[in-house]
C-alpha atoms as a PDB file:
ATOM      1  CA  UNK A   1     118.102 101.900  97.296  1.00  0.00           C
ATOM      2  CA  UNK A   2     115.535 101.541  94.769  1.00  0.00           C
ATOM      3  CA  UNK A   3     111.697 101.911  95.595  1.00  0.00           C
ATOM      4  CA  UNK A   4     108.601 102.570  94.325  1.00  0.00           C
ATOM      5  CA  UNK A   5     105.962 103.393  97.378  1.00  0.00           C
ATOM      6  CA  UNK A   6     101.923 103.571  95.621  1.00  0.00           C
ATOM      7  CA  UNK A   7      98.840 104.997  97.484  1.00  0.00           C
ATOM      8  CA  UNK A   8      96.806 103.674  94.407  1.00  0.00           C
ATOM      9  CA  UNK A   9      97.065 104.273  90.923  1.00  0.00           C
ATOM     10  CA  UNK A  10      99.678 102.620  89.033  1.00  0.00           C
ATOM     11  CA  UNK A  11     100.166 104.746  86.581  1.00  0.00           C
ATOM     12  CA  UNK A  12     104.166 105.192  87.282  1.00  0.00           C
ATOM     13  CA  UNK A  13     104.848 101.370  87.727  1.00  0.00           C
ATOM     14  CA  UNK A  14     105.268 101.365  83.743  1.00  0.00           C
ATOM     15  CA  UNK A  15     108.359 103.881  83.836  1.00  0.00           C
ATOM     16  CA  UNK A  16     109.905 102.595  87.579  1.00  0.00           C
ATOM     17  CA  UNK A  17     110.053  98.721  85.565  1.00  0.00           C
ATOM     18  CA  UNK A  18     111.851 100.608  82.224  1.00  0.00           C
ATOM     19  CA  UNK A  19     114.334 103.363  84.690  1.00  0.00           C
ATOM     20  CA  UNK A  20     115.174 100.492  87.073  1.00  0.00           C
ATOM     21  CA  UNK A  21     114.645  97.426  86.188  1.00  0.00           C
ATOM     22  CA  UNK A  22     116.060  98.095  82.354  1.00  0.00           C
ATOM     23  CA  UNK A  23     113.244  96.061  81.053  1.00  0.00           C
ATOM     24  CA  UNK A  24     109.576  96.247  79.579  1.00  0.00           C
ATOM     25  CA  UNK A  25     107.443  94.996  82.295  1.00  0.00           C
ATOM     26  CA  UNK A  26     106.559  92.252  79.888  1.00  0.00           C
ATOM     27  CA  UNK A  27     110.251  90.923  80.374  1.00  0.00           C
ATOM     28  CA  UNK A  28     110.179  92.027  83.877  1.00  0.00           C
ATOM     29  CA  UNK A  29     109.200  89.026  86.384  1.00  0.00           C
ATOM     30  CA  UNK A  30     107.690  90.686  89.403  1.00  0.00           C
ATOM     31  CA  UNK A  31     107.637  88.624  92.749  1.00  0.00           C
ATOM     32  CA  UNK A  32     104.468  88.637  94.825  1.00  0.00           C
ATOM     33  CA  UNK A  33     104.725  88.462  98.519  1.00  0.00           C
ATOM     34  CA  UNK A  34     101.534  89.079  99.454  1.00  0.00           C
ATOM     35  CA  UNK A  35      98.214  92.031  99.655  1.00  0.00           C
ATOM     36  CA  UNK A  36      95.808  93.144  97.050  1.00  0.00           C
ATOM     37  CA  UNK A  37      97.451  94.601  93.465  1.00  0.00           C
ATOM     38  CA  UNK A  38      98.762  91.606  92.148  1.00  0.00           C
ATOM     39  CA  UNK A  39      96.415  92.348  89.158  1.00  0.00           C
ATOM     40  CA  UNK A  40      97.973  95.706  88.542  1.00  0.00           C
ATOM     41  CA  UNK A  41     100.916  93.832  87.726  1.00  0.00           C
ATOM     42  CA  UNK A  42      99.224  91.120  85.677  1.00  0.00           C
ATOM     43  CA  UNK A  43      97.455  93.850  83.739  1.00  0.00           C
ATOM     44  CA  UNK A  44     100.192  96.216  82.873  1.00  0.00           C
ATOM     45  CA  UNK A  45     101.887  92.783  80.991  1.00  0.00           C
ATOM     46  CA  UNK A  46     104.538  91.467  84.259  1.00  0.00           C
ATOM     47  CA  UNK A  47     105.019  88.238  84.572  1.00  0.00           C
ATOM     48  CA  UNK A  48     104.148  87.957  88.577  1.00  0.00           C
ATOM     49  CA  UNK A  49     105.701  85.139  90.679  1.00  0.00           C
ATOM     50  CA  UNK A  50     105.406  83.855  93.942  1.00  0.00           C
ATOM     51  CA  UNK A  51     108.157  85.770  96.118  1.00  0.00           C
ATOM     52  CA  UNK A  52     108.699  83.314  98.608  1.00  0.00           C
ATOM     53  CA  UNK A  53     109.192  80.149  96.231  1.00  0.00           C
ATOM     54  CA  UNK A  54     111.942  82.129  94.305  1.00  0.00           C
ATOM     55  CA  UNK A  55     112.819  85.369  95.860  1.00  0.00           C
ATOM     56  CA  UNK A  56     116.087  84.861  93.346  1.00  0.00           C
ATOM     57  CA  UNK A  57     114.337  84.683  90.264  1.00  0.00           C
ATOM     58  CA  UNK A  58     113.183  88.031  90.460  1.00  0.00           C
ATOM     59  CA  UNK A  59     113.211  91.213  88.801  1.00  0.00           C
ATOM     60  CA  UNK A  60     111.351  93.095  91.720  1.00  0.00           C
ATOM     61  CA  UNK A  61     109.352  92.175  94.503  1.00  0.00           C
ATOM     62  CA  UNK A  62     106.205  93.722  94.841  1.00  0.00           C
ATOM     63  CA  UNK A  63     104.001  93.723  98.512  1.00  0.00           C
ATOM     64  CA  UNK A  64     100.058  94.909  98.050  1.00  0.00           C
ATOM     65  CA  UNK A  65      97.413  96.454 100.230  1.00  0.00           C
ATOM     66  CA  UNK A  66      95.321  95.301 102.721  1.00  0.00           C
ATOM     67  CA  UNK A  67      95.677  95.276 106.542  1.00  0.00           C
ATOM     68  CA  UNK A  68      99.003  97.077 107.416  1.00  0.00           C
ATOM     69  CA  UNK A  69      99.577  95.188 110.567  1.00  0.00           C
ATOM     70  CA  UNK A  70      98.150  91.452 109.102  1.00  0.00           C
ATOM     71  CA  UNK A  71     100.702  91.957 105.851  1.00  0.00           C
ATOM     72  CA  UNK A  72     103.704  93.245 108.709  1.00  0.00           C
ATOM     73  CA  UNK A  73     102.352  89.570 111.324  1.00  0.00           C
ATOM     74  CA  UNK A  74     102.349  87.760 108.127  1.00  0.00           C
ATOM     75  CA  UNK A  75     106.039  88.961 106.981  1.00  0.00           C
ATOM     76  CA  UNK A  76     107.333  88.973 110.719  1.00  0.00           C
ATOM     77  CA  UNK A  77     105.862  85.449 111.079  1.00  0.00           C
ATOM     78  CA  UNK A  78     107.014  83.634 108.334  1.00  0.00           C
ATOM     79  CA  UNK A  79     110.436  85.481 108.216  1.00  0.00           C
ATOM     80  CA  UNK A  80     109.808  86.911 104.318  1.00  0.00           C
ATOM     81  CA  UNK A  81     110.440  90.491 106.430  1.00  0.00           C
ATOM     82  CA  UNK A  82     114.541  89.440 106.372  1.00  0.00           C
ATOM     83  CA  UNK A  83     114.358  87.954 103.255  1.00  0.00           C
ATOM     84  CA  UNK A  84     112.859  91.148 101.725  1.00  0.00           C
ATOM     85  CA  UNK A  85     115.048  92.816 103.763  1.00  0.00           C
ATOM     86  CA  UNK A  86     118.161  91.664 102.691  1.00  0.00           C
ATOM     87  CA  UNK A  87     117.256  91.345  98.574  1.00  0.00           C
ATOM     88  CA  UNK A  88     115.959  94.973  98.491  1.00  0.00           C
ATOM     89  CA  UNK A  89     118.940  96.395 100.258  1.00  0.00           C
ATOM     90  CA  UNK A  90     121.260  94.198  98.091  1.00  0.00           C
ATOM     91  CA  UNK A  91     119.424  95.983  95.373  1.00  0.00           C
ATOM     92  CA  UNK A  92     116.170  94.382  93.869  1.00  0.00           C
ATOM     93  CA  UNK A  93     113.614  97.264  93.237  1.00  0.00           C
ATOM     94  CA  UNK A  94     110.889  97.178  95.941  1.00  0.00           C
ATOM     95  CA  UNK A  95     107.067  98.108  94.874  1.00  0.00           C
ATOM     96  CA  UNK A  96     105.044  98.717  97.247  1.00  0.00           C
ATOM     97  CA  UNK A  97     100.808  99.635  97.092  1.00  0.00           C
ATOM     98  CA  UNK A  98      99.259 101.246 100.374  1.00  0.00           C
ATOM     99  CA  UNK A  99      99.969  99.023 103.278  1.00  0.00           C
ATOM    100  CA  UNK A 100     103.130  98.009 101.118  1.00  0.00           C
ATOM    101  CA  UNK A 101     104.195 101.313 101.216  1.00  0.00           C
ATOM    102  CA  UNK A 102     103.547 101.979 104.622  1.00  0.00           C
ATOM    103  CA  UNK A 103     106.081  99.171 105.603  1.00  0.00           C
ATOM    104  CA  UNK A 104     108.523 100.505 104.009  1.00  0.00           C
ATOM    105  CA  UNK A 105     108.706 103.025 106.497  1.00  0.00           C
ATOM    106  CA  UNK A 106     110.076 103.368 110.361  1.00  0.00           C
ATOM    107  CA  UNK A 107     107.101 102.072 111.502  1.00  0.00           C
ATOM    108  CA  UNK A 108     103.758 101.146 110.534  1.00  0.00           C
ATOM    109  CA  UNK A 109     102.231 102.149 114.381  1.00  0.00           C
ATOM    110  CA  UNK A 110     100.645 105.472 112.406  1.00  0.00           C
ATOM    111  CA  UNK A 111      98.139 103.301 109.951  1.00  0.00           C
ATOM    112  CA  UNK A 112      96.052 102.285 113.252  1.00  0.00           C
ATOM    113  CA  UNK A 113      93.474 104.761 112.528  1.00  0.00           C
ATOM    114  CA  UNK A 114      93.741 103.031 108.640  1.00  0.00           C
ATOM    115  CA  UNK A 115      93.918  99.444 109.692  1.00  0.00           C
ATOM    116  CA  UNK A 116      92.761  98.183 112.259  1.00  0.00           C
ATOM    117  CA  UNK A 117      95.514  96.296 113.945  1.00  0.00           C
ATOM    118  CA  UNK A 118      93.204  94.472 116.289  1.00  0.00           C
ATOM    119  CA  UNK A 119      93.484  91.613 113.013  1.00  0.00           C
ATOM    120  CA  UNK A 120      97.470  90.780 113.841  1.00  0.00           C
ATOM    121  CA  UNK A 121      96.690  90.239 117.627  1.00  0.00           C
ATOM    122  CA  UNK A 122     100.195  88.453 118.149  1.00  0.00           C
ATOM    123  CA  UNK A 123     102.461  91.309 116.096  1.00  0.00           C
ATOM    124  CA  UNK A 124     104.327  93.330 119.344  1.00  0.00           C
ATOM    125  CA  UNK A 125     106.411  95.333 117.516  1.00  0.00           C
ATOM    126  CA  UNK A 126     105.015  97.978 114.169  1.00  0.00           C
ATOM    127  CA  UNK A 127     109.191  98.322 113.331  1.00  0.00           C
ATOM    128  CA  UNK A 128     109.080  98.788 109.625  1.00  0.00           C
ATOM    129  CA  UNK A 129     112.200  98.508 107.114  1.00  0.00           C
ATOM    130  CA  UNK A 130     113.048 101.726 108.139  1.00  0.00           C
ATOM    131  CA  UNK A 131     114.191 101.905 103.942  1.00  0.00           C
ATOM    132  CA  UNK A 132     112.300 105.347 104.243  1.00  0.00           C
ATOM    133  CA  UNK A 133     112.408 107.980 107.476  1.00  0.00           C
ATOM    134  CA  UNK A 134     109.061 108.706 106.584  1.00  0.00           C
ATOM    135  CA  UNK A 135     106.341 107.137 107.845  1.00  0.00           C
ATOM    136  CA  UNK A 136     103.996 106.683 104.110  1.00  0.00           C
ATOM    137  CA  UNK A 137     100.040 107.708 104.554  1.00  0.00           C
ATOM    138  CA  UNK A 138      98.249 106.541 101.374  1.00  0.00           C
ATOM    139  CA  UNK A 139      95.105 107.630 100.142  1.00  0.00           C
ATOM    140  CA  UNK A 140      95.416 111.090 101.274  1.00  0.00           C
ATOM    141  CA  UNK A 141      93.259 113.228  99.195  1.00  0.00           C
ATOM    142  CA  UNK A 142      89.814 111.294 100.320  1.00  0.00           C
ATOM    143  CA  UNK A 143      88.787 109.970  96.935  1.00  0.00           C
ATOM    144  CA  UNK A 144      88.028 106.410  98.568  1.00  0.00           C
ATOM    145  CA  UNK A 145      85.252 106.402 101.089  1.00  0.00           C
ATOM    146  CA  UNK A 146      87.181 104.254 103.537  1.00  0.00           C
ATOM    147  CA  UNK A 147      89.526 107.005 103.773  1.00  0.00           C
ATOM    148  CA  UNK A 148      87.890 110.251 104.423  1.00  0.00           C
ATOM    149  CA  UNK A 149      89.398 113.610 104.863  1.00  0.00           C
ATOM    150  CA  UNK A 150      88.635 113.562 108.566  1.00  0.00           C
ATOM    151  CA  UNK A 151      90.294 110.727 109.037  1.00  0.00           C
ATOM    152  CA  UNK A 152      93.621 111.603 107.681  1.00  0.00           C
ATOM    153  CA  UNK A 153      93.154 114.331 109.737  1.00  0.00           C
ATOM    154  CA  UNK A 154      92.920 113.048 112.841  1.00  0.00           C
ATOM    155  CA  UNK A 155      95.993 110.530 111.610  1.00  0.00           C
ATOM    156  CA  UNK A 156      98.085 113.204 111.663  1.00  0.00           C
ATOM    157  CA  UNK A 157      97.000 114.813 114.739  1.00  0.00           C
ATOM    158  CA  UNK A 158      96.907 111.423 117.170  1.00  0.00           C
ATOM    159  CA  UNK A 159     100.414 110.304 115.152  1.00  0.00           C
ATOM    160  CA  UNK A 160     102.180 113.604 113.553  1.00  0.00           C
ATOM    161  CA  UNK A 161     103.397 114.816 116.581  1.00  0.00           C
ATOM    162  CA  UNK A 162     105.610 111.204 117.828  1.00  0.00           C
ATOM    163  CA  UNK A 163     106.144 110.074 113.806  1.00  0.00           C
ATOM    164  CA  UNK A 164     107.079 111.841 110.891  1.00  0.00           C
ATOM    165  CA  UNK A 165     104.343 111.469 107.993  1.00  0.00           C
ATOM    166  CA  UNK A 166     104.331 111.451 104.517  1.00  0.00           C
ATOM    167  CA  UNK A 167     100.851 111.807 102.983  1.00  0.00           C
ATOM    168  CA  UNK A 168     100.399 110.184  99.289  1.00  0.00           C
ATOM    169  CA  UNK A 169      97.349 111.034  97.631  1.00  0.00           C
ATOM    170  CA  UNK A 170      95.744 108.144  94.874  1.00  0.00           C
ATOM    171  CA  UNK A 171      97.528 109.198  91.465  1.00  0.00           C
ATOM    172  CA  UNK A 172     100.721 109.779  93.176  1.00  0.00           C
ATOM    173  CA  UNK A 173     103.547 107.510  94.544  1.00  0.00           C
ATOM    174  CA  UNK A 174     106.395 108.059  96.146  1.00  0.00           C
ATOM    175  CA  UNK A 175     109.961 107.476  93.956  1.00  0.00           C
ATOM    176  CA  UNK A 176     113.358 106.163  95.814  1.00  0.00           C
ATOM    177  CA  UNK A 177     116.477 106.304  94.287  1.00  0.00           C
ATOM    178  CA  UNK A 178     119.420 105.788  96.692  1.00  0.00           C
ATOM    179  CA  UNK A 179     119.134 109.018  98.601  1.00  0.00           C
ATOM    180  CA  UNK A 180     117.149 110.950  95.964  1.00  0.00           C
ATOM    181  CA  UNK A 181     113.399 110.779  96.884  1.00  0.00           C
ATOM    182  CA  UNK A 182     110.484 112.644  94.851  1.00  0.00           C
ATOM    183  CA  UNK A 183     107.136 112.662  94.324  1.00  0.00           C
ATOM    184  CA  UNK A 184     105.228 111.618  91.323  1.00  0.00           C
ATOM    185  CA  UNK A 185     102.356 111.080  89.405  1.00  0.00           C
ATOM    186  CA  UNK A 186     101.071 107.647  89.310  1.00  0.00           C
ATOM    187  CA  UNK A 187      97.183 108.185  87.524  1.00  0.00           C
END
């Protein structure tokens, strides 16, 4: 499995595309699913298309940021969660940004203090993709005013006893290549 799990900065994107897809961003077609951040792909020179319209015509798939619960509810309601899961488990590179990184883990419940679960009233199951064994906690460096260090600390105090949490700063990304996982700079 090849995953690039971003918090906010997209500096690791070009290297990921070159190393995993084997092309430059300008030669790469990325399927955008939902969430904020599409402009990051365009700014890096990627050709961006709607993943749902052409899931077999992409070199990578991207799920962006926003309310984690609303994004996960959308993926579940449309069945895109199953399509993405099958394609990524089959080798399609995945790029997640913020909420798109959280859903890669075993459960999204720990995002409950960062995002409002009420934005997805029909979501009954918070189990994530489970591609990694930790729950990503984006914006952990306290740079964005909406996610102060006190909120990150409260998230760890509230959910840390029940879930394996991994903080990630806005200038970092988690790079997953098979069983290997490492934090890389992503300013």
